[in-house]
Amino acid sequence: MDRTFAALADPTRRALVAQLIDRSLPVSELARPFAMSLQAVIKHLDVLADAGLITRKKTGRIVACTLAAEPMQHAAAWIDQHQRAWSDRLDRFETYLAHVKQKDDA
């Protein structure tokens, strides 16, 4: 999961992942919106592939990338678990503050 979060820490890589949400795309098409060289985009794709976030398939001379769901699902589950824990803590804190305010008002 460390590799997942490290890969997604970069805004360019997040934008690449966003392009792949609903479909598989060739590397050249993925690179089109970015003001950087194709080699720079490929390096970003290498990081995403090393983290298991994308897979690549070569058909002839075209390399297409596809989003791999499993690492994102693990990250989302981890975030969800921590979000629920913090939400519970904040709810208890809110209850405590209401109790303290009630005591002060009395």
Protein backbone atom coordinates (compact mmCIF):
# COMPACT_ATOMS: atom_id res chain seq x y z
CA MET A 1 0.00 0.00 0.00
CA ASP A 2 2.98 2.33 0.52
CA ARG A 3 3.75 2.11 -3.19
CA THR A 4 0.13 2.88 -4.03
CA PHE A 5 0.08 6.07 -1.96
CA ALA A 6 3.56 7.08 -3.16
CA ALA A 7 2.50 6.64 -6.79
CA LEU A 8 -0.71 8.59 -6.25
CA ALA A 9 1.09 11.42 -4.44
CA ASP A 10 2.05 12.94 -7.77
CA PRO A 11 -0.62 15.03 -9.56
CA THR A 12 0.48 13.87 -13.02
CA ARG A 13 0.08 10.23 -12.03
CA ARG A 14 -3.33 10.94 -10.50
CA ALA A 15 -4.35 12.58 -13.78
CA LEU A 16 -3.12 9.54 -15.72
CA VAL A 17 -5.14 7.24 -13.43
CA ALA A 18 -8.21 9.45 -13.91
CA GLN A 19 -7.97 9.01 -17.69
CA LEU A 20 -8.02 5.22 -17.22
CA ILE A 21 -11.06 4.99 -14.94
CA ASP A 22 -13.52 3.89 -17.62
CA ARG A 23 -11.28 2.58 -20.38
CA SER A 24 -7.95 1.33 -21.61
CA LEU A 25 -5.86 3.87 -23.54
CA PRO A 26 -2.70 3.81 -25.63
CA VAL A 27 0.33 5.51 -24.09
CA SER A 28 0.39 8.14 -26.85
CA GLU A 29 -3.20 9.14 -26.07
CA LEU A 30 -2.51 9.20 -22.32
CA ALA A 31 0.43 11.54 -22.94
CA ARG A 32 -1.49 13.97 -25.17
CA PRO A 33 -2.87 16.32 -22.44
CA PHE A 34 0.51 16.80 -20.73
CA ALA A 35 3.11 19.45 -21.50
CA MET A 36 5.98 16.99 -21.13
CA SER A 37 7.86 14.55 -23.29
CA LEU A 38 6.55 11.08 -24.03
CA GLN A 39 9.55 9.69 -22.12
CA ALA A 40 8.51 11.66 -19.02
CA VAL A 41 4.97 10.28 -19.24
CA ILE A 42 6.38 6.76 -19.65
CA LYS A 43 8.40 7.23 -16.45
CA HIS A 44 5.20 8.17 -14.62
CA LEU A 45 3.49 5.10 -16.10
CA ASP A 46 6.43 2.98 -14.89
CA VAL A 47 5.82 4.18 -11.33
CA LEU A 48 2.12 3.35 -11.63
CA ALA A 49 2.92 -0.09 -13.07
CA ASP A 50 5.49 -0.79 -10.33
CA ALA A 51 2.80 0.03 -7.75
CA GLY A 52 0.43 -2.39 -9.50
CA LEU A 53 -2.00 0.39 -10.36
CA ILE A 54 -1.91 -0.17 -14.11
CA THR A 55 -1.18 -2.98 -16.50
CA ARG A 56 0.22 -2.59 -20.00
CA LYS A 57 -0.53 -4.70 -23.04
CA LYS A 58 1.38 -4.43 -26.28
CA THR A 59 -0.52 -5.11 -29.50
CA GLY A 60 1.80 -4.63 -32.45
CA ARG A 61 3.46 -1.27 -31.92
CA ILE A 62 0.78 0.09 -29.61
CA VAL A 63 1.06 -0.18 -25.84
CA ALA A 64 -2.26 0.24 -24.04
CA CYS A 65 -2.65 0.86 -20.32
CA THR A 66 -5.49 -0.37 -18.14
CA LEU A 67 -6.29 0.49 -14.55
CA ALA A 68 -5.81 -2.34 -12.04
CA ALA A 69 -8.48 -2.11 -9.35
CA GLU A 70 -7.02 -4.19 -6.52
CA PRO A 71 -4.39 -1.75 -5.15
CA MET A 72 -6.95 1.07 -5.22
CA GLN A 73 -9.49 -1.12 -3.42
CA HIS A 74 -6.95 -1.86 -0.66
CA ALA A 75 -6.15 1.84 -0.31
CA ALA A 76 -9.84 2.78 -0.26
CA ALA A 77 -10.56 0.17 2.41
CA TRP A 78 -7.70 1.51 4.54
CA ILE A 79 -8.94 5.10 4.14
CA ASP A 80 -12.52 4.05 4.92
CA GLN A 81 -11.43 2.24 8.09
CA HIS A 82 -9.54 5.28 9.34
CA GLN A 83 -12.30 7.67 8.32
CA ARG A 84 -14.81 5.68 10.39
CA ALA A 85 -12.46 5.63 13.40
CA TRP A 86 -11.93 9.41 13.23
CA SER A 87 -15.62 10.02 12.69
CA ASP A 88 -16.41 7.98 15.82
CA ARG A 89 -13.81 9.92 17.81
CA LEU A 90 -15.17 13.26 16.63
CA ASP A 91 -18.72 12.18 17.49
CA ARG A 92 -17.60 11.27 21.03
CA PHE A 93 -15.74 14.59 21.32
CA GLU A 94 -18.86 16.47 20.20
CA THR A 95 -20.90 14.62 22.83
CA TYR A 96 -18.29 15.49 25.46
CA LEU A 97 -18.31 19.17 24.50
CA ALA A 98 -22.11 19.28 24.66
CA HIS A 99 -21.94 17.71 28.12
CA VAL A 100 -19.35 20.26 29.31
CA LYS A 101 -21.40 23.13 27.89
CA GLN A 102 -24.50 21.80 29.63
CA LYS A 103 -22.59 21.68 32.96
CA ASP A 104 -21.29 25.23 32.48
CA ASP A 105 -24.77 26.53 31.65
CA ALA A 106 -26.24 24.97 34.80
